[in-house]
Amino acid sequence: MAKGDQPAEFILHNHHPRFLAKVEELDFEELENRPDKPFADILYVNGAGAMVIYRLTVTEYYERAEEDDVLDELFPARDYYTQYLQDIDAEEDGKEGYPVKDFSPELPGLKILQSSVNWTIVYNGVIAEFTSEDEMDEFLENDLHIEPELLDKGIINEFE
């Protein structure tokens, strides 16, 4: 399942729904590639301060399950893998990294990044950039159909 000489990491989810998910590192531009199988993206700032992106993609199903049931387990698997990355960082560099946080628990996978120049949304294979918060809110409400009440109580990840 690994490509060429690249090592591969996997997460085996061994209770219902049972599945195997492959973990692959992605370039930021690759986030817009949506696999046919359920997936979850991890944006992680490592101990050196660089953002690294990983995608968990289900590669094998070991029992029948609805895609929503698989996603309900795949999103928490991101937390497991993030903790693994933090442990590796602490062991190698002495400084833990941290995950780019989801905007809210009601919208798993939605991440909003704010810099001094723009706002960036990363959500299930969608990447969108805006020059103002109002433009971003309009996109979230009209294009992603997110209720305005949810937009008032989320986490925005700020970067320089």
Foldseek 3Di string as FASTA:
>chain_A
DDPDPDDWDWDFDPDVFTFIWIKDWDDPVCLLDADPFDKAKWWKQFQVRDTIIIMIGTDGTPDDDDRVRVVVVRLVVSVVVLVVRQVVRCVPPVGGIGTQDAFDPVQRRWAWEDEPAWIWIRHNSDIDIDRDPVVVLCCCCPVVVDDPVSVVDTDHHYDD
